[in-house]
Amino acid sequence: NRLSEPFLAALVWLEQLLRNAPWWSIIILTMLLAYGMSRRIAFSLGMGAMLFLLGAMGLWDAGMQTLSLMIMATGISIIIGIPMGIFMAKFDRFRSVMLPVLDIMQTMPSFVYLIPVVMLFGLGKIPAIIATVIYAVPPVIRLTDLGIRLVDAEVLEASRAFGASSTQQLFGVQIPLALPNIMAGINQTTMMALSMVVIASMIGARGLGYEVLLGINRLEVGRGLLAGLGIVILAVLFDRITQSYGKRKQIRGAR
């Protein structure tokens, strides 16, 4: 409980911030983020329109609850995943141990994660985040490892010739060149985390997933479909924004 208290406090603070903020401010921030990632005005306007549609369907509050859960779970996955991917790229023995673990994590049915999480942590938002992180973290680990390993040996040799240390090589050469792969991993992690929304609602996570669950339990087809459409909107937002940044980096690298 003591370990989970800071995470719960951070999640509650983020959720209250998103739910209490004016709807137009969230849309403007999303548009600015989309423009910063893509440098395209039409793209940012489209992302803002999709978020406006979420509010027009009456799902703004549930959407913000889901968004806070997604930001928290994805952030933790990135903080865990990128360093582990770097360690896998640097140490072959660690990689040989981690690959079977990642295979098990990716092939295990998502419902199975709920059993040990509920047994150890009970019901609530923090267990939902833990289950989501376990399910979603493998892609960013794998693609970070792949991106670091795909950096040309000639580039590393050139950096060594200029006197770069191993730390300077990592942060100045390998990570920048691996960034498109890392962004692809973040994209896949985000999509997998969002796919856990409905399942996480079974152990206490509110938001759009809970609305879908209510629609199923009460046989309210319209309610379930609208909430499902809201999840699709968030998925498209996350997918397009993260992919646009990765593509822009690839184009810049090609030039």
C-alpha atoms as a PDB file:
ATOM      1  CA  ASN A   1       0.000   0.000   0.000  1.00  0.00           C
ATOM      2  CA  ARG A   2       2.802   2.421   0.824  1.00  0.00           C
ATOM      3  CA  LEU A   3       4.404   1.756  -2.554  1.00  0.00           C
ATOM      4  CA  SER A   4       1.165   2.409  -4.397  1.00  0.00           C
ATOM      5  CA  GLU A   5       0.237   5.600  -2.532  1.00  0.00           C
ATOM      6  CA  PRO A   6       2.468   7.977  -4.585  1.00  0.00           C
ATOM      7  CA  PHE A   7       1.207   6.471  -7.846  1.00  0.00           C
ATOM      8  CA  LEU A   8      -2.403   6.698  -6.702  1.00  0.00           C
ATOM      9  CA  ALA A   9      -1.908  10.319  -5.638  1.00  0.00           C
ATOM     10  CA  ALA A  10      -0.328  11.159  -9.004  1.00  0.00           C
ATOM     11  CA  LEU A  11      -3.135   9.409 -10.889  1.00  0.00           C
ATOM     12  CA  VAL A  12      -5.866  11.151  -8.873  1.00  0.00           C
ATOM     13  CA  TRP A  13      -4.161  14.529  -9.390  1.00  0.00           C
ATOM     14  CA  LEU A  14      -3.850  13.960 -13.152  1.00  0.00           C
ATOM     15  CA  GLU A  15      -7.421  12.712 -13.431  1.00  0.00           C
ATOM     16  CA  GLN A  16      -8.808  15.696 -11.529  1.00  0.00           C
ATOM     17  CA  LEU A  17      -6.700  18.058 -13.630  1.00  0.00           C
ATOM     18  CA  LEU A  18      -8.051  16.651 -16.896  1.00  0.00           C
ATOM     19  CA  ARG A  19     -11.647  16.409 -15.684  1.00  0.00           C
ATOM     20  CA  ASN A  20     -11.751  19.908 -14.181  1.00  0.00           C
ATOM     21  CA  ALA A  21      -9.887  21.697 -16.967  1.00  0.00           C
ATOM     22  CA  PRO A  22     -12.068  23.508 -19.545  1.00  0.00           C
ATOM     23  CA  TRP A  23     -12.772  21.273 -22.519  1.00  0.00           C
ATOM     24  CA  TRP A  24     -11.436  23.823 -24.986  1.00  0.00           C
ATOM     25  CA  SER A  25      -8.079  23.992 -23.177  1.00  0.00           C
ATOM     26  CA  ILE A  26      -7.586  20.223 -23.534  1.00  0.00           C
ATOM     27  CA  ILE A  27      -8.446  20.437 -27.238  1.00  0.00           C
ATOM     28  CA  ILE A  28      -6.034  23.341 -27.780  1.00  0.00           C
ATOM     29  CA  LEU A  29      -3.234  21.498 -25.961  1.00  0.00           C
ATOM     30  CA  THR A  30      -3.902  18.397 -28.071  1.00  0.00           C
ATOM     31  CA  MET A  31      -3.761  20.462 -31.261  1.00  0.00           C
ATOM     32  CA  LEU A  32      -0.505  22.097 -30.173  1.00  0.00           C
ATOM     33  CA  LEU A  33       0.975  18.691 -29.363  1.00  0.00           C
ATOM     34  CA  ALA A  34      -0.162  17.310 -32.732  1.00  0.00           C
ATOM     35  CA  TYR A  35       1.359  20.288 -34.549  1.00  0.00           C
ATOM     36  CA  GLY A  36       4.593  19.979 -32.594  1.00  0.00           C
ATOM     37  CA  MET A  37       4.867  16.323 -33.557  1.00  0.00           C
ATOM     38  CA  SER A  38       3.890  16.644 -37.230  1.00  0.00           C
ATOM     39  CA  ARG A  39       4.397  20.333 -38.174  1.00  0.00           C
ATOM     40  CA  ARG A  40       1.121  20.142 -40.139  1.00  0.00           C
ATOM     41  CA  ILE A  41      -1.785  22.477 -39.415  1.00  0.00           C
ATOM     42  CA  ALA A  42      -4.417  20.295 -41.117  1.00  0.00           C
ATOM     43  CA  PHE A  43      -3.316  17.313 -39.042  1.00  0.00           C
ATOM     44  CA  SER A  44      -3.562  19.243 -35.768  1.00  0.00           C
ATOM     45  CA  LEU A  45      -7.032  20.531 -36.699  1.00  0.00           C
ATOM     46  CA  GLY A  46      -8.150  16.966 -37.418  1.00  0.00           C
ATOM     47  CA  MET A  47      -6.921  15.769 -34.034  1.00  0.00           C
ATOM     48  CA  GLY A  48      -8.767  18.621 -32.326  1.00  0.00           C
ATOM     49  CA  ALA A  49     -11.959  17.785 -34.234  1.00  0.00           C
ATOM     50  CA  MET A  50     -11.781  14.157 -33.110  1.00  0.00           C
ATOM     51  CA  LEU A  51     -11.435  15.175 -29.477  1.00  0.00           C
ATOM     52  CA  PHE A  52     -14.363  17.583 -29.905  1.00  0.00           C
ATOM     53  CA  LEU A  53     -16.407  14.655 -31.269  1.00  0.00           C
ATOM     54  CA  LEU A  54     -15.662  12.717 -28.076  1.00  0.00           C
ATOM     55  CA  GLY A  55     -17.225  15.526 -26.043  1.00  0.00           C
ATOM     56  CA  ALA A  56     -20.147  15.874 -28.458  1.00  0.00           C
ATOM     57  CA  MET A  57     -21.029  12.229 -27.798  1.00  0.00           C
ATOM     58  CA  GLY A  58     -21.314  12.976 -24.065  1.00  0.00           C
ATOM     59  CA  LEU A  59     -18.209  10.959 -23.188  1.00  0.00           C
ATOM     60  CA  TRP A  60     -15.861  13.765 -22.181  1.00  0.00           C
ATOM     61  CA  ASP A  61     -15.652  12.908 -18.467  1.00  0.00           C
ATOM     62  CA  ALA A  62     -15.220   9.173 -19.081  1.00  0.00           C
ATOM     63  CA  GLY A  63     -12.704   9.969 -21.812  1.00  0.00           C
ATOM     64  CA  MET A  64     -10.605  12.079 -19.461  1.00  0.00           C
ATOM     65  CA  GLN A  65     -10.634   9.268 -16.889  1.00  0.00           C
ATOM     66  CA  THR A  66      -9.391   6.858 -19.545  1.00  0.00           C
ATOM     67  CA  LEU A  67      -6.850   9.405 -20.794  1.00  0.00           C
ATOM     68  CA  SER A  68      -5.368   9.843 -17.308  1.00  0.00           C
ATOM     69  CA  LEU A  69      -5.072   6.079 -16.908  1.00  0.00           C
ATOM     70  CA  MET A  70      -3.442   5.831 -20.346  1.00  0.00           C
ATOM     71  CA  ILE A  71      -0.934   8.609 -19.667  1.00  0.00           C
ATOM     72  CA  MET A  72       0.050   7.022 -16.349  1.00  0.00           C
ATOM     73  CA  ALA A  73       0.358   3.469 -17.702  1.00  0.00           C
ATOM     74  CA  THR A  74       2.172   4.527 -20.873  1.00  0.00           C
ATOM     75  CA  GLY A  75       4.540   6.793 -18.935  1.00  0.00           C
ATOM     76  CA  ILE A  76       5.488   3.994 -16.532  1.00  0.00           C
ATOM     77  CA  SER A  77       5.921   1.593 -19.467  1.00  0.00           C
ATOM     78  CA  ILE A  78       8.283   4.031 -21.207  1.00  0.00           C
ATOM     79  CA  ILE A  79      10.291   4.672 -18.026  1.00  0.00           C
ATOM     80  CA  ILE A  80      10.719   0.913 -17.547  1.00  0.00           C
ATOM     81  CA  GLY A  81      10.925  -0.141 -21.191  1.00  0.00           C
ATOM     82  CA  ILE A  82      13.511   2.169 -22.763  1.00  0.00           C
ATOM     83  CA  PRO A  83      16.281   1.542 -20.163  1.00  0.00           C
ATOM     84  CA  MET A  84      15.608  -2.208 -20.318  1.00  0.00           C
ATOM     85  CA  GLY A  85      15.814  -2.109 -24.120  1.00  0.00           C
ATOM     86  CA  ILE A  86      19.146  -0.283 -23.901  1.00  0.00           C
ATOM     87  CA  PHE A  87      20.471  -2.864 -21.425  1.00  0.00           C
ATOM     88  CA  MET A  88      19.354  -5.661 -23.766  1.00  0.00           C
ATOM     89  CA  ALA A  89      21.211  -4.033 -26.651  1.00  0.00           C
ATOM     90  CA  LYS A  90      24.371  -3.598 -24.560  1.00  0.00           C
ATOM     91  CA  PHE A  91      24.475  -6.938 -22.731  1.00  0.00           C
ATOM     92  CA  ASP A  92      23.787 -10.127 -24.704  1.00  0.00           C
ATOM     93  CA  ARG A  93      23.458 -12.274 -21.590  1.00  0.00           C
ATOM     94  CA  PHE A  94      20.748 -10.005 -20.192  1.00  0.00           C
ATOM     95  CA  ARG A  95      19.039 -10.116 -23.597  1.00  0.00           C
ATOM     96  CA  SER A  96      19.065 -13.924 -23.661  1.00  0.00           C
ATOM     97  CA  VAL A  97      17.320 -13.938 -20.271  1.00  0.00           C
ATOM     98  CA  MET A  98      14.777 -11.254 -21.177  1.00  0.00           C
ATOM     99  CA  LEU A  99      13.664 -12.574 -24.580  1.00  0.00           C
ATOM    100  CA  PRO A 100      11.795 -15.635 -23.176  1.00  0.00           C
ATOM    101  CA  VAL A 101      10.250 -13.426 -20.489  1.00  0.00           C
ATOM    102  CA  LEU A 102       9.005 -10.982 -23.131  1.00  0.00           C
ATOM    103  CA  ASP A 103       7.679 -13.878 -25.227  1.00  0.00           C
ATOM    104  CA  ILE A 104       5.665 -15.117 -22.246  1.00  0.00           C
ATOM    105  CA  MET A 105       4.379 -11.606 -21.486  1.00  0.00           C
ATOM    106  CA  GLN A 106       3.204 -11.118 -25.082  1.00  0.00           C
ATOM    107  CA  THR A 107       1.589 -14.536 -25.531  1.00  0.00           C
ATOM    108  CA  MET A 108      -0.185 -14.671 -22.161  1.00  0.00           C
ATOM    109  CA  PRO A 109      -3.912 -13.866 -22.486  1.00  0.00           C
ATOM    110  CA  SER A 110      -4.619 -10.417 -21.092  1.00  0.00           C
ATOM    111  CA  PHE A 111      -7.257 -11.726 -18.669  1.00  0.00           C
ATOM    112  CA  VAL A 112      -4.620 -13.868 -16.951  1.00  0.00           C
ATOM    113  CA  TYR A 113      -2.761 -10.768 -15.735  1.00  0.00           C
ATOM    114  CA  LEU A 114      -5.759  -9.805 -13.638  1.00  0.00           C
ATOM    115  CA  ILE A 115      -5.536 -12.899 -11.413  1.00  0.00           C
ATOM    116  CA  PRO A 116      -2.175 -12.272  -9.653  1.00  0.00           C
ATOM    117  CA  VAL A 117      -2.684  -8.502  -9.686  1.00  0.00           C
ATOM    118  CA  VAL A 118      -6.038  -8.754  -7.899  1.00  0.00           C
ATOM    119  CA  MET A 119      -4.644 -11.333  -5.448  1.00  0.00           C
ATOM    120  CA  LEU A 120      -1.681  -9.106  -4.525  1.00  0.00           C
ATOM    121  CA  PHE A 121      -3.137  -5.602  -4.778  1.00  0.00           C
ATOM    122  CA  GLY A 122      -6.918  -6.008  -4.636  1.00  0.00           C
ATOM    123  CA  LEU A 123      -9.315  -3.937  -6.726  1.00  0.00           C
ATOM    124  CA  GLY A 124      -8.844  -0.345  -7.834  1.00  0.00           C
ATOM    125  CA  LYS A 125      -7.037   1.935 -10.231  1.00  0.00           C
ATOM    126  CA  ILE A 126      -3.474   1.020  -9.245  1.00  0.00           C
ATOM    127  CA  PRO A 127      -3.994  -2.735  -9.895  1.00  0.00           C
ATOM    128  CA  ALA A 128      -5.500  -1.764 -13.258  1.00  0.00           C
ATOM    129  CA  ILE A 129      -2.379   0.271 -14.083  1.00  0.00           C
ATOM    130  CA  ILE A 130      -0.077  -2.578 -13.003  1.00  0.00           C
ATOM    131  CA  ALA A 131      -1.908  -5.084 -15.220  1.00  0.00           C
ATOM    132  CA  THR A 132      -1.848  -2.613 -18.118  1.00  0.00           C
ATOM    133  CA  VAL A 133       1.888  -1.949 -17.753  1.00  0.00           C
ATOM    134  CA  ILE A 134       2.733  -5.674 -17.653  1.00  0.00           C
ATOM    135  CA  TYR A 135       0.685  -6.248 -20.797  1.00  0.00           C
ATOM    136  CA  ALA A 136       1.897  -3.177 -22.707  1.00  0.00           C
ATOM    137  CA  VAL A 137       5.615  -2.820 -21.895  1.00  0.00           C
ATOM    138  CA  PRO A 138       7.157  -5.565 -24.150  1.00  0.00           C
ATOM    139  CA  PRO A 139       6.931  -3.687 -27.508  1.00  0.00           C
ATOM    140  CA  VAL A 140       8.890  -0.646 -26.327  1.00  0.00           C
ATOM    141  CA  ILE A 141      11.559  -2.926 -24.810  1.00  0.00           C
ATOM    142  CA  ARG A 142      11.920  -4.976 -27.997  1.00  0.00           C
ATOM    143  CA  LEU A 143      11.961  -2.039 -30.408  1.00  0.00           C
ATOM    144  CA  THR A 144      14.397  -0.022 -28.290  1.00  0.00           C
ATOM    145  CA  ASP A 145      16.731  -3.019 -28.314  1.00  0.00           C
ATOM    146  CA  LEU A 146      16.251  -3.393 -32.082  1.00  0.00           C
ATOM    147  CA  GLY A 147      16.818   0.299 -32.771  1.00  0.00           C
ATOM    148  CA  ILE A 148      20.079   0.404 -30.786  1.00  0.00           C
ATOM    149  CA  ARG A 149      21.349  -2.751 -32.498  1.00  0.00           C
ATOM    150  CA  LEU A 150      20.522  -1.434 -35.988  1.00  0.00           C
ATOM    151  CA  VAL A 151      22.850   1.562 -35.648  1.00  0.00           C
ATOM    152  CA  ASP A 152      25.629   1.113 -38.235  1.00  0.00           C
ATOM    153  CA  ALA A 153      28.975  -0.027 -36.896  1.00  0.00           C
ATOM    154  CA  GLU A 154      30.664   2.516 -39.200  1.00  0.00           C
ATOM    155  CA  VAL A 155      28.837   5.350 -37.464  1.00  0.00           C
ATOM    156  CA  LEU A 156      29.948   4.092 -34.056  1.00  0.00           C
ATOM    157  CA  GLU A 157      33.508   3.694 -35.323  1.00  0.00           C
ATOM    158  CA  ALA A 158      33.480   7.268 -36.623  1.00  0.00           C
ATOM    159  CA  SER A 159      32.239   8.571 -33.266  1.00  0.00           C
ATOM    160  CA  ARG A 160      34.989   6.634 -31.487  1.00  0.00           C
ATOM    161  CA  ALA A 161      37.542   8.121 -33.869  1.00  0.00           C
ATOM    162  CA  PHE A 162      36.426  11.574 -32.742  1.00  0.00           C
ATOM    163  CA  GLY A 163      36.992  10.589 -29.113  1.00  0.00           C
ATOM    164  CA  ALA A 164      33.402   9.914 -28.015  1.00  0.00           C
ATOM    165  CA  SER A 165      33.023   7.879 -24.835  1.00  0.00           C
ATOM    166  CA  SER A 166      30.532   5.013 -24.581  1.00  0.00           C
ATOM    167  CA  THR A 167      28.065   7.295 -22.775  1.00  0.00           C
ATOM    168  CA  GLN A 168      28.442   9.984 -25.434  1.00  0.00           C
ATOM    169  CA  GLN A 169      27.934   7.362 -28.127  1.00  0.00           C
ATOM    170  CA  LEU A 170      24.756   6.146 -26.463  1.00  0.00           C
ATOM    171  CA  PHE A 171      23.108   9.534 -25.947  1.00  0.00           C
ATOM    172  CA  GLY A 172      24.632  11.381 -28.897  1.00  0.00           C
ATOM    173  CA  VAL A 173      24.601   8.725 -31.618  1.00  0.00           C
ATOM    174  CA  GLN A 174      22.709   5.520 -30.852  1.00  0.00           C
ATOM    175  CA  ILE A 175      19.548   6.847 -29.202  1.00  0.00           C
ATOM    176  CA  PRO A 176      19.005   9.665 -31.779  1.00  0.00           C
ATOM    177  CA  LEU A 177      19.459   7.202 -34.670  1.00  0.00           C
ATOM    178  CA  ALA A 178      17.238   4.632 -32.955  1.00  0.00           C
ATOM    179  CA  LEU A 179      14.509   7.187 -32.210  1.00  0.00           C
ATOM    180  CA  PRO A 180      12.167   6.105 -35.075  1.00  0.00           C
ATOM    181  CA  ASN A 181      12.234   2.534 -33.745  1.00  0.00           C
ATOM    182  CA  ILE A 182      11.773   3.739 -30.176  1.00  0.00           C
ATOM    183  CA  MET A 183       8.778   5.852 -31.235  1.00  0.00           C
ATOM    184  CA  ALA A 184       7.320   2.817 -33.012  1.00  0.00           C
ATOM    185  CA  GLY A 185       7.694   0.899 -29.752  1.00  0.00           C
ATOM    186  CA  ILE A 186       5.987   3.692 -27.807  1.00  0.00           C
ATOM    187  CA  ASN A 187       3.200   3.653 -30.384  1.00  0.00           C
ATOM    188  CA  GLN A 188       2.666  -0.095 -30.017  1.00  0.00           C
ATOM    189  CA  THR A 189       2.848   0.124 -26.224  1.00  0.00           C
ATOM    190  CA  THR A 190       0.192   2.844 -26.246  1.00  0.00           C
ATOM    191  CA  MET A 191      -2.104   0.788 -28.468  1.00  0.00           C
ATOM    192  CA  MET A 192      -1.718  -2.291 -26.274  1.00  0.00           C
ATOM    193  CA  ALA A 193      -2.371  -0.241 -23.147  1.00  0.00           C
ATOM    194  CA  LEU A 194      -5.539   1.141 -24.701  1.00  0.00           C
ATOM    195  CA  SER A 195      -6.660  -2.368 -25.619  1.00  0.00           C
ATOM    196  CA  MET A 196      -6.613  -3.165 -21.877  1.00  0.00           C
ATOM    197  CA  VAL A 197      -9.117  -0.406 -21.044  1.00  0.00           C
ATOM    198  CA  VAL A 198     -12.215  -2.625 -21.051  1.00  0.00           C
ATOM    199  CA  ILE A 199     -10.454  -5.473 -19.229  1.00  0.00           C
ATOM    200  CA  ALA A 200      -9.032  -3.099 -16.608  1.00  0.00           C
ATOM    201  CA  SER A 201     -12.547  -1.812 -15.938  1.00  0.00           C
ATOM    202  CA  MET A 202     -13.366  -5.236 -14.492  1.00  0.00           C
ATOM    203  CA  ILE A 203     -11.040  -4.573 -11.542  1.00  0.00           C
ATOM    204  CA  GLY A 204     -12.004  -1.011 -10.742  1.00  0.00           C
ATOM    205  CA  ALA A 205     -10.758   1.250 -13.547  1.00  0.00           C
ATOM    206  CA  ARG A 206     -13.386   3.783 -14.563  1.00  0.00           C
ATOM    207  CA  GLY A 207     -13.712   5.573 -17.862  1.00  0.00           C
ATOM    208  CA  LEU A 208     -14.719   4.446 -21.326  1.00  0.00           C
ATOM    209  CA  GLY A 209     -13.960   0.797 -20.590  1.00  0.00           C
ATOM    210  CA  TYR A 210     -16.414   0.865 -17.693  1.00  0.00           C
ATOM    211  CA  GLU A 211     -19.068   2.333 -20.001  1.00  0.00           C
ATOM    212  CA  VAL A 212     -18.521  -0.540 -22.433  1.00  0.00           C
ATOM    213  CA  LEU A 213     -18.771  -3.020 -19.560  1.00  0.00           C
ATOM    214  CA  LEU A 214     -22.040  -1.451 -18.380  1.00  0.00           C
ATOM    215  CA  GLY A 215     -23.398  -1.604 -21.923  1.00  0.00           C
ATOM    216  CA  ILE A 216     -22.583  -5.313 -22.090  1.00  0.00           C
ATOM    217  CA  ASN A 217     -24.016  -6.122 -18.652  1.00  0.00           C
ATOM    218  CA  ARG A 218     -27.238  -4.182 -19.237  1.00  0.00           C
ATOM    219  CA  LEU A 219     -27.558  -5.110 -22.928  1.00  0.00           C
ATOM    220  CA  GLU A 220     -27.512  -1.403 -23.822  1.00  0.00           C
ATOM    221  CA  VAL A 221     -26.137  -1.671 -27.341  1.00  0.00           C
ATOM    222  CA  GLY A 222     -26.009   2.068 -28.008  1.00  0.00           C
ATOM    223  CA  ARG A 223     -24.138   2.823 -24.797  1.00  0.00           C
ATOM    224  CA  GLY A 224     -21.546   0.160 -25.501  1.00  0.00           C
ATOM    225  CA  LEU A 225     -21.076   1.210 -29.128  1.00  0.00           C
ATOM    226  CA  LEU A 226     -20.656   4.893 -28.256  1.00  0.00           C
ATOM    227  CA  ALA A 227     -18.089   4.112 -25.564  1.00  0.00           C
ATOM    228  CA  GLY A 228     -16.313   1.780 -27.987  1.00  0.00           C
ATOM    229  CA  LEU A 229     -16.225   4.581 -30.548  1.00  0.00           C
ATOM    230  CA  GLY A 230     -14.740   6.846 -27.874  1.00  0.00           C
ATOM    231  CA  ILE A 231     -11.958   4.304 -27.293  1.00  0.00           C
ATOM    232  CA  VAL A 232     -11.335   4.220 -31.053  1.00  0.00           C
ATOM    233  CA  ILE A 233     -11.050   8.034 -31.097  1.00  0.00           C
ATOM    234  CA  LEU A 234      -8.425   7.984 -28.339  1.00  0.00           C
ATOM    235  CA  ALA A 235      -6.602   5.149 -30.109  1.00  0.00           C
ATOM    236  CA  VAL A 236      -6.475   7.099 -33.373  1.00  0.00           C
ATOM    237  CA  LEU A 237      -5.270  10.214 -31.521  1.00  0.00           C
ATOM    238  CA  PHE A 238      -2.410   8.373 -29.814  1.00  0.00           C
ATOM    239  CA  ASP A 239      -1.526   6.393 -32.940  1.00  0.00           C
ATOM    240  CA  ARG A 240      -1.469   9.306 -35.386  1.00  0.00           C
ATOM    241  CA  ILE A 241       0.424  11.672 -33.087  1.00  0.00           C
ATOM    242  CA  THR A 242       3.174   9.201 -32.152  1.00  0.00           C
ATOM    243  CA  GLN A 243       3.505   7.889 -35.715  1.00  0.00           C
ATOM    244  CA  SER A 244       3.703  11.380 -37.194  1.00  0.00           C
ATOM    245  CA  TYR A 245       6.662  12.190 -34.949  1.00  0.00           C
ATOM    246  CA  GLY A 246       8.457   8.979 -35.927  1.00  0.00           C
ATOM    247  CA  LYS A 247       7.850   9.609 -39.644  1.00  0.00           C
ATOM    248  CA  ARG A 248       9.106  13.186 -39.372  1.00  0.00           C
ATOM    249  CA  LYS A 249      12.301  11.932 -37.753  1.00  0.00           C
ATOM    250  CA  GLN A 250      12.748   9.336 -40.522  1.00  0.00           C
ATOM    251  CA  ILE A 251      12.301  11.961 -43.258  1.00  0.00           C
ATOM    252  CA  ARG A 252      14.754  14.290 -41.530  1.00  0.00           C
ATOM    253  CA  GLY A 253      17.245  11.438 -41.171  1.00  0.00           C
ATOM    254  CA  ALA A 254      16.902  10.535 -44.874  1.00  0.00           C
ATOM    255  CA  ARG A 255      17.777  14.096 -45.841  1.00  0.00           C
END
